[in-house]
PDB file of N, CA and C in Angstrom:
ATOM      1  N   UNK A   1      10.401   7.464  -6.058  1.00  0.00           N
ATOM      2  CA  UNK A   1       8.869   7.353  -6.127  1.00  0.00           C
ATOM      3  C   UNK A   1       7.989   6.451  -5.553  1.00  0.00           C
ATOM      4  N   UNK A   2       8.789   5.073  -5.576  1.00  0.00           N
ATOM      5  CA  UNK A   2       7.950   4.417  -4.758  1.00  0.00           C
ATOM      6  C   UNK A   2       7.794   4.174  -3.344  1.00  0.00           C
ATOM      7  N   UNK A   3       8.997   4.627  -2.882  1.00  0.00           N
ATOM      8  CA  UNK A   3       9.104   4.698  -1.660  1.00  0.00           C
ATOM      9  C   UNK A   3       8.357   5.911  -0.834  1.00  0.00           C
ATOM     10  N   UNK A   4       8.114   6.682  -1.769  1.00  0.00           N
ATOM     11  CA  UNK A   4       6.797   7.976  -1.518  1.00  0.00           C
ATOM     12  C   UNK A   4       5.758   7.076  -1.213  1.00  0.00           C
ATOM     13  N   UNK A   5       5.851   6.484  -2.167  1.00  0.00           N
ATOM     14  CA  UNK A   5       3.880   5.506  -1.973  1.00  0.00           C
ATOM     15  C   UNK A   5       3.740   4.973  -0.950  1.00  0.00           C
ATOM     16  N   UNK A   6       4.824   3.976  -0.683  1.00  0.00           N
ATOM     17  CA  UNK A   6       4.554   3.164   0.566  1.00  0.00           C
ATOM     18  C   UNK A   6       4.549   4.514   2.130  1.00  0.00           C
ATOM     19  N   UNK A   7       5.078   5.356   2.064  1.00  0.00           N
ATOM     20  CA  UNK A   7       5.394   6.366   2.641  1.00  0.00           C
ATOM     21  C   UNK A   7       3.565   7.104   3.100  1.00  0.00           C
ATOM     22  N   UNK A   8       3.293   7.311   1.884  1.00  0.00           N
ATOM     23  CA  UNK A   8       1.191   7.616   2.185  1.00  0.00           C
ATOM     24  C   UNK A   8       0.684   6.663   2.411  1.00  0.00           C
ATOM     25  N   UNK A   9       0.825   5.718   2.229  1.00  0.00           N
ATOM     26  CA  UNK A   9      -0.135   4.507   2.160  1.00  0.00           C
ATOM     27  C   UNK A   9       0.190   4.026   3.080  1.00  0.00           C
ATOM     28  N   UNK A  10       1.790   2.951   3.401  1.00  0.00           N
ATOM     29  CA  UNK A  10       0.766   2.190   5.087  1.00  0.00           C
ATOM     30  C   UNK A  10       0.527   2.451   5.920  1.00  0.00           C
ATOM     31  N   UNK A  11       0.952   4.208   6.538  1.00  0.00           N
ATOM     32  CA  UNK A  11       0.461   5.092   7.862  1.00  0.00           C
ATOM     33  C   UNK A  11      -1.319   4.264   7.648  1.00  0.00           C
ATOM     34  N   UNK A  12      -1.719   5.241   6.065  1.00  0.00           N
ATOM     35  CA  UNK A  12      -3.354   4.976   6.372  1.00  0.00           C
ATOM     36  C   UNK A  12      -3.756   3.525   6.812  1.00  0.00           C
ATOM     37  N   UNK A  13      -3.256   2.307   6.123  1.00  0.00           N
ATOM     38  CA  UNK A  13      -3.618   1.501   6.128  1.00  0.00           C
ATOM     39  C   UNK A  13      -3.109   0.532   7.511  1.00  0.00           C
ATOM     40  N   UNK A  14      -2.547   0.967   8.527  1.00  0.00           N
ATOM     41  CA  UNK A  14      -2.818   0.255   9.704  1.00  0.00           C
ATOM     42  C   UNK A  14      -3.251   1.245  10.879  1.00  0.00           C
ATOM     43  N   UNK A  15      -3.532   2.713  10.427  1.00  0.00           N
ATOM     44  CA  UNK A  15      -4.355   2.546  11.219  1.00  0.00           C
ATOM     45  C   UNK A  15      -5.742   2.218  10.536  1.00  0.00           C
ATOM     46  N   UNK A  16      -5.981   2.429   9.134  1.00  0.00           N
ATOM     47  CA  UNK A  16      -7.910   1.748   9.279  1.00  0.00           C
ATOM     48  C   UNK A  16      -7.730  -0.082   9.644  1.00  0.00           C
ATOM     49  N   UNK A  17      -6.537  -0.856  10.087  1.00  0.00           N
ATOM     50  CA  UNK A  17      -6.531  -1.688  10.709  1.00  0.00           C
ATOM     51  C   UNK A  17      -6.897  -1.900  12.371  1.00  0.00           C
ATOM     52  N   UNK A  18      -6.060  -0.153  12.901  1.00  0.00           N
ATOM     53  CA  UNK A  18      -6.186  -0.323  14.273  1.00  0.00           C
ATOM     54  C   UNK A  18      -7.484   0.527  14.427  1.00  0.00           C
ATOM     55  N   UNK A  19      -8.469   0.883  13.790  1.00  0.00           N
ATOM     56  CA  UNK A  19      -9.778   1.370  13.951  1.00  0.00           C
ATOM     57  C   UNK A  19     -10.481   0.285  13.751  1.00  0.00           C
ATOM     58  N   UNK A  20     -10.469  -0.734  13.012  1.00  0.00           N
ATOM     59  CA  UNK A  20     -11.482  -1.713  12.524  1.00  0.00           C
ATOM     60  C   UNK A  20     -11.489  -2.646  13.673  1.00  0.00           C
ATOM     61  N   UNK A  21     -10.412  -2.967  14.655  1.00  0.00           N
ATOM     62  CA  UNK A  21      -9.609  -3.546  15.917  1.00  0.00           C
ATOM     63  C   UNK A  21     -10.201  -3.044  16.769  1.00  0.00           C
ATOM     64  N   UNK A  22      -9.643  -1.954  17.199  1.00  0.00           N
ATOM     65  CA  UNK A  22     -10.141  -0.958  18.670  1.00  0.00           C
ATOM     66  C   UNK A  22     -11.325  -0.182  17.898  1.00  0.00           C
ATOM     67  N   UNK A  23     -12.340   0.353  17.881  1.00  0.00           N
ATOM     68  CA  UNK A  23     -13.529   1.465  17.672  1.00  0.00           C
ATOM     69  C   UNK A  23     -14.039   0.860  17.100  1.00  0.00           C
ATOM     70  N   UNK A  24     -15.385   1.507  17.290  1.00  0.00           N
ATOM     71  CA  UNK A  24     -16.630   1.334  16.528  1.00  0.00           C
ATOM     72  C   UNK A  24     -16.285   2.517  15.236  1.00  0.00           C
ATOM     73  N   UNK A  25     -15.507   2.663  14.200  1.00  0.00           N
ATOM     74  CA  UNK A  25     -14.792   3.223  13.290  1.00  0.00           C
ATOM     75  C   UNK A  25     -16.019   3.451  12.676  1.00  0.00           C
ATOM     76  N   UNK A  26     -16.334   4.993  12.776  1.00  0.00           N
ATOM     77  CA  UNK A  26     -17.416   5.740  11.345  1.00  0.00           C
ATOM     78  C   UNK A  26     -17.195   5.186  10.414  1.00  0.00           C
ATOM     79  N   UNK A  27     -17.764   5.050   9.711  1.00  0.00           N
ATOM     80  CA  UNK A  27     -17.853   3.880   8.047  1.00  0.00           C
ATOM     81  C   UNK A  27     -17.425   5.330   7.456  1.00  0.00           C
ATOM     82  N   UNK A  28     -17.494   7.282   7.360  1.00  0.00           N
ATOM     83  CA  UNK A  28     -16.986   7.146   6.265  1.00  0.00           C
ATOM     84  C   UNK A  28     -16.003   7.820   6.506  1.00  0.00           C
ATOM     85  N   UNK A  29     -15.172   7.188   8.155  1.00  0.00           N
ATOM     86  CA  UNK A  29     -12.963   7.078   8.069  1.00  0.00           C
ATOM     87  C   UNK A  29     -13.539   5.932   7.283  1.00  0.00           C
ATOM     88  N   UNK A  30     -14.067   5.328   7.406  1.00  0.00           N
ATOM     89  CA  UNK A  30     -13.583   3.502   6.571  1.00  0.00           C
ATOM     90  C   UNK A  30     -13.622   4.446   5.023  1.00  0.00           C
ATOM     91  N   UNK A  31     -13.822   4.844   4.675  1.00  0.00           N
ATOM     92  CA  UNK A  31     -14.589   5.318   2.831  1.00  0.00           C
ATOM     93  C   UNK A  31     -12.878   6.159   2.467  1.00  0.00           C
ATOM     94  N   UNK A  32     -12.575   7.284   3.259  1.00  0.00           N
ATOM     95  CA  UNK A  32     -11.491   7.494   3.237  1.00  0.00           C
ATOM     96  C   UNK A  32     -10.198   6.975   3.230  1.00  0.00           C
ATOM     97  N   UNK A  33      -9.877   5.705   4.258  1.00  0.00           N
ATOM     98  CA  UNK A  33      -8.977   5.161   4.426  1.00  0.00           C
ATOM     99  C   UNK A  33      -9.267   4.089   2.978  1.00  0.00           C
ATOM    100  N   UNK A  34      -9.998   3.661   2.535  1.00  0.00           N
ATOM    101  CA  UNK A  34     -10.499   2.996   1.053  1.00  0.00           C
ATOM    102  C   UNK A  34      -9.705   3.597  -0.019  1.00  0.00           C
ATOM    103  N   UNK A  35      -9.818   5.238   0.178  1.00  0.00           N
ATOM    104  CA  UNK A  35      -9.920   5.759  -1.327  1.00  0.00           C
ATOM    105  C   UNK A  35      -8.704   5.257  -1.143  1.00  0.00           C
ATOM    106  N   UNK A  36      -7.248   6.445  -0.528  1.00  0.00           N
ATOM    107  CA  UNK A  36      -5.999   6.523  -1.109  1.00  0.00           C
ATOM    108  C   UNK A  36      -5.512   4.627  -1.977  1.00  0.00           C
ATOM    109  N   UNK A  37      -6.181   3.606  -0.803  1.00  0.00           N
ATOM    110  CA  UNK A  37      -5.385   2.518  -1.452  1.00  0.00           C
ATOM    111  C   UNK A  37      -6.736   1.882  -2.992  1.00  0.00           C
ATOM    112  N   UNK A  38      -7.547   2.503  -3.472  1.00  0.00           N
ATOM    113  CA  UNK A  38      -8.194   2.510  -4.613  1.00  0.00           C
ATOM    114  C   UNK A  38      -6.932   3.282  -6.094  1.00  0.00           C
ATOM    115  N   UNK A  39      -6.684   4.360  -5.575  1.00  0.00           N
ATOM    116  CA  UNK A  39      -5.606   5.647  -6.113  1.00  0.00           C
ATOM    117  C   UNK A  39      -4.155   4.447  -6.147  1.00  0.00           C
ATOM    118  N   UNK A  40      -4.250   4.526  -5.308  1.00  0.00           N
ATOM    119  CA  UNK A  40      -3.073   3.655  -5.029  1.00  0.00           C
ATOM    120  C   UNK A  40      -1.487   3.126  -6.248  1.00  0.00           C
ATOM    121  N   UNK A  41      -2.817   1.125  -5.816  1.00  0.00           N
ATOM    122  CA  UNK A  41      -2.422   0.465  -6.000  1.00  0.00           C
ATOM    123  C   UNK A  41      -2.153   0.572  -7.120  1.00  0.00           C
ATOM    124  N   UNK A  42      -2.953   0.769  -8.708  1.00  0.00           N
ATOM    125  CA  UNK A  42      -2.604   0.658 -10.035  1.00  0.00           C
ATOM    126  C   UNK A  42      -0.724   1.556 -10.348  1.00  0.00           C
ATOM    127  N   UNK A  43      -0.562   2.623  -9.183  1.00  0.00           N
ATOM    128  CA  UNK A  43       0.137   3.446  -9.547  1.00  0.00           C
ATOM    129  C   UNK A  43       1.799   2.570  -8.924  1.00  0.00           C
ATOM    130  N   UNK A  44       1.154   1.967  -7.952  1.00  0.00           N
ATOM    131  CA  UNK A  44       2.277   1.189  -7.345  1.00  0.00           C
ATOM    132  C   UNK A  44       3.056   0.074  -7.889  1.00  0.00           C
ATOM    133  N   UNK A  45       1.885  -0.746  -8.982  1.00  0.00           N
ATOM    134  CA  UNK A  45       1.814  -1.417  -9.851  1.00  0.00           C
ATOM    135  C   UNK A  45       3.311  -1.433 -10.890  1.00  0.00           C
ATOM    136  N   UNK A  46       3.124   0.270 -11.096  1.00  0.00           N
ATOM    137  CA  UNK A  46       4.578   0.639 -12.674  1.00  0.00           C
ATOM    138  C   UNK A  46       6.095   0.589 -11.685  1.00  0.00           C
ATOM    139  N   UNK A  47       5.757   0.182 -10.829  1.00  0.00           N
ATOM    140  CA  UNK A  47       7.150   0.577 -10.527  1.00  0.00           C
ATOM    141  C   UNK A  47       7.570  -1.217 -10.158  1.00  0.00           C
ATOM    142  N   UNK A  48       6.841  -2.236 -10.369  1.00  0.00           N
ATOM    143  CA  UNK A  48       7.389  -3.359 -10.684  1.00  0.00           C
ATOM    144  C   UNK A  48       8.065  -3.450 -11.290  1.00  0.00           C
ATOM    145  N   UNK A  49       8.986  -4.703 -11.724  1.00  0.00           N
ATOM    146  CA  UNK A  49       9.788  -5.006 -12.853  1.00  0.00           C
ATOM    147  C   UNK A  49       9.127  -6.463 -13.627  1.00  0.00           C
ATOM    148  N   UNK A  50       9.597  -7.074 -14.504  1.00  0.00           N
ATOM    149  CA  UNK A  50       8.853  -8.276 -15.067  1.00  0.00           C
ATOM    150  C   UNK A  50       9.412  -9.444 -13.939  1.00  0.00           C
ATOM    151  N   UNK A  51      10.111  -9.145 -13.299  1.00  0.00           N
ATOM    152  CA  UNK A  51      10.677 -10.295 -12.793  1.00  0.00           C
ATOM    153  C   UNK A  51      10.110 -10.526 -11.093  1.00  0.00           C
ATOM    154  N   UNK A  52       8.891  -9.137 -10.894  1.00  0.00           N
ATOM    155  CA  UNK A  52       8.170  -9.395  -9.448  1.00  0.00           C
ATOM    156  C   UNK A  52       9.321  -8.449  -8.878  1.00  0.00           C
ATOM    157  N   UNK A  53      10.304  -8.269  -8.580  1.00  0.00           N
ATOM    158  CA  UNK A  53      11.087  -6.788  -7.543  1.00  0.00           C
ATOM    159  C   UNK A  53      10.451  -5.933  -8.431  1.00  0.00           C
ATOM    160  N   UNK A  54      10.586  -4.889  -7.144  1.00  0.00           N
ATOM    161  CA  UNK A  54      10.406  -3.312  -7.164  1.00  0.00           C
ATOM    162  C   UNK A  54      10.838  -1.848  -7.567  1.00  0.00           C
ATOM    163  N   UNK A  55      11.313  -1.415  -7.583  1.00  0.00           N
ATOM    164  CA  UNK A  55      12.283  -0.476  -7.724  1.00  0.00           C
ATOM    165  C   UNK A  55      12.339   0.638  -7.762  1.00  0.00           C
ATOM    166  N   UNK A  56      13.162   1.227  -8.001  1.00  0.00           N
ATOM    167  CA  UNK A  56      12.777   2.874  -6.880  1.00  0.00           C
ATOM    168  C   UNK A  56      12.044   3.507  -7.935  1.00  0.00           C
ATOM    169  N   UNK A  57      12.397   3.526  -8.868  1.00  0.00           N
ATOM    170  CA  UNK A  57      11.756   4.111  -9.800  1.00  0.00           C
ATOM    171  C   UNK A  57      10.865   3.999 -11.059  1.00  0.00           C
ATOM    172  N   UNK A  58      11.283   2.638 -11.045  1.00  0.00           N
ATOM    173  CA  UNK A  58      10.264   2.139 -12.119  1.00  0.00           C
ATOM    174  C   UNK A  58      11.713   1.371 -12.964  1.00  0.00           C
ATOM    175  N   UNK A  59      12.386   2.020 -13.212  1.00  0.00           N
ATOM    176  CA  UNK A  59      13.970   0.661 -13.429  1.00  0.00           C
ATOM    177  C   UNK A  59      14.550   1.034 -13.416  1.00  0.00           C
ATOM    178  N   UNK A  60      15.234  -0.114 -13.880  1.00  0.00           N
ATOM    179  CA  UNK A  60      16.837  -0.519 -13.020  1.00  0.00           C
ATOM    180  C   UNK A  60      16.380  -1.840 -11.782  1.00  0.00           C
ATOM    181  N   UNK A  61      17.933  -2.177 -11.376  1.00  0.00           N
ATOM    182  CA  UNK A  61      17.447  -3.660 -10.435  1.00  0.00           C
ATOM    183  C   UNK A  61      16.617  -3.363  -9.825  1.00  0.00           C
ATOM    184  N   UNK A  62      15.772  -4.501  -8.703  1.00  0.00           N
ATOM    185  CA  UNK A  62      14.797  -4.753  -7.780  1.00  0.00           C
ATOM    186  C   UNK A  62      15.255  -4.232  -6.628  1.00  0.00           C
ATOM    187  N   UNK A  63      14.884  -3.812  -5.669  1.00  0.00           N
ATOM    188  CA  UNK A  63      16.001  -3.664  -4.567  1.00  0.00           C
ATOM    189  C   UNK A  63      14.619  -4.471  -3.626  1.00  0.00           C
ATOM    190  N   UNK A  64      15.426  -5.829  -2.491  1.00  0.00           N
ATOM    191  CA  UNK A  64      15.109  -7.031  -1.773  1.00  0.00           C
ATOM    192  C   UNK A  64      14.039  -5.741  -0.532  1.00  0.00           C
ATOM    193  N   UNK A  65      14.829  -4.878  -0.229  1.00  0.00           N
ATOM    194  CA  UNK A  65      14.783  -4.343   1.271  1.00  0.00           C
ATOM    195  C   UNK A  65      12.720  -3.554   0.600  1.00  0.00           C
ATOM    196  N   UNK A  66      12.875  -2.500  -0.470  1.00  0.00           N
ATOM    197  CA  UNK A  66      11.445  -2.600  -0.854  1.00  0.00           C
ATOM    198  C   UNK A  66      10.770  -2.873  -2.006  1.00  0.00           C
ATOM    199  N   UNK A  67      11.070  -3.889  -2.108  1.00  0.00           N
ATOM    200  CA  UNK A  67       9.936  -4.968  -2.455  1.00  0.00           C
ATOM    201  C   UNK A  67       9.240  -5.851  -0.864  1.00  0.00           C
ATOM    202  N   UNK A  68       9.958  -6.348  -0.145  1.00  0.00           N
ATOM    203  CA  UNK A  68       9.446  -6.805   1.090  1.00  0.00           C
ATOM    204  C   UNK A  68       8.089  -5.747   1.468  1.00  0.00           C
ATOM    205  N   UNK A  69       8.763  -4.400   1.805  1.00  0.00           N
ATOM    206  CA  UNK A  69       7.613  -4.005   1.842  1.00  0.00           C
ATOM    207  C   UNK A  69       6.757  -3.581   1.685  1.00  0.00           C
ATOM    208  N   UNK A  70       6.540  -3.357   0.160  1.00  0.00           N
ATOM    209  CA  UNK A  70       5.614  -3.443  -0.872  1.00  0.00           C
ATOM    210  C   UNK A  70       4.585  -4.595  -0.956  1.00  0.00           C
ATOM    211  N   UNK A  71       5.040  -5.576  -0.897  1.00  0.00           N
ATOM    212  CA  UNK A  71       4.088  -6.855  -1.140  1.00  0.00           C
ATOM    213  C   UNK A  71       3.708  -7.000   0.862  1.00  0.00           C
ATOM    214  N   UNK A  72       4.406  -6.766   1.584  1.00  0.00           N
ATOM    215  CA  UNK A  72       3.799  -6.613   3.102  1.00  0.00           C
ATOM    216  C   UNK A  72       2.401  -5.392   2.927  1.00  0.00           C
ATOM    217  N   UNK A  73       2.511  -4.436   2.630  1.00  0.00           N
ATOM    218  CA  UNK A  73       1.917  -3.631   2.312  1.00  0.00           C
ATOM    219  C   UNK A  73       0.699  -3.553   1.255  1.00  0.00           C
ATOM    220  N   UNK A  74       0.998  -4.509  -0.106  1.00  0.00           N
ATOM    221  CA  UNK A  74       0.199  -4.639  -0.552  1.00  0.00           C
ATOM    222  C   UNK A  74      -0.679  -5.613  -0.226  1.00  0.00           C
ATOM    223  N   UNK A  75       0.078  -6.559   0.545  1.00  0.00           N
ATOM    224  CA  UNK A  75      -1.424  -7.802   1.319  1.00  0.00           C
ATOM    225  C   UNK A  75      -2.676  -7.001   2.099  1.00  0.00           C
ATOM    226  N   UNK A  76      -1.280  -6.022   2.769  1.00  0.00           N
ATOM    227  CA  UNK A  76      -2.856  -5.910   3.802  1.00  0.00           C
ATOM    228  C   UNK A  76      -3.976  -5.167   2.867  1.00  0.00           C
ATOM    229  N   UNK A  77      -3.556  -4.406   2.433  1.00  0.00           N
ATOM    230  CA  UNK A  77      -4.204  -3.179   1.407  1.00  0.00           C
ATOM    231  C   UNK A  77      -5.174  -4.127   0.817  1.00  0.00           C
ATOM    232  N   UNK A  78      -5.327  -5.166   0.055  1.00  0.00           N
ATOM    233  CA  UNK A  78      -5.577  -6.009  -0.604  1.00  0.00           C
ATOM    234  C   UNK A  78      -6.661  -6.631   0.183  1.00  0.00           C
ATOM    235  N   UNK A  79      -6.377  -7.104   1.462  1.00  0.00           N
ATOM    236  CA  UNK A  79      -7.512  -7.231   2.508  1.00  0.00           C
ATOM    237  C   UNK A  79      -8.309  -6.447   3.293  1.00  0.00           C
ATOM    238  N   UNK A  80      -7.662  -5.385   2.740  1.00  0.00           N
ATOM    239  CA  UNK A  80      -9.066  -4.313   3.651  1.00  0.00           C
ATOM    240  C   UNK A  80      -9.940  -3.764   2.720  1.00  0.00           C
ATOM    241  N   UNK A  81      -9.030  -4.804   0.824  1.00  0.00           N
ATOM    242  CA  UNK A  81     -10.165  -3.465   0.117  1.00  0.00           C
ATOM    243  C   UNK A  81     -11.617  -4.959  -0.212  1.00  0.00           C
ATOM    244  N   UNK A  82     -10.889  -5.532   0.844  1.00  0.00           N
ATOM    245  CA  UNK A  82     -12.142  -6.996   0.212  1.00  0.00           C
ATOM    246  C   UNK A  82     -13.241  -6.729   1.658  1.00  0.00           C
TER     247      UNK A  82
END
């Protein structure tokens, strides 16, 4: 589940970054790009365990690679929400 969230969110964040840097983006496109992170972020935090690692289904041991990916995408997401 956690990986599926990343597969949906990460491309949208990177597209939003591209549009902001390389085009005069239509504000309506940016609005659509901001809707997904607003919905995604609270759900994604359900997969974070008490030690700060992300796990596939929200239970069990944390996964190092998944945690790294989630943190990178989360940082980009928070940057674009502000």
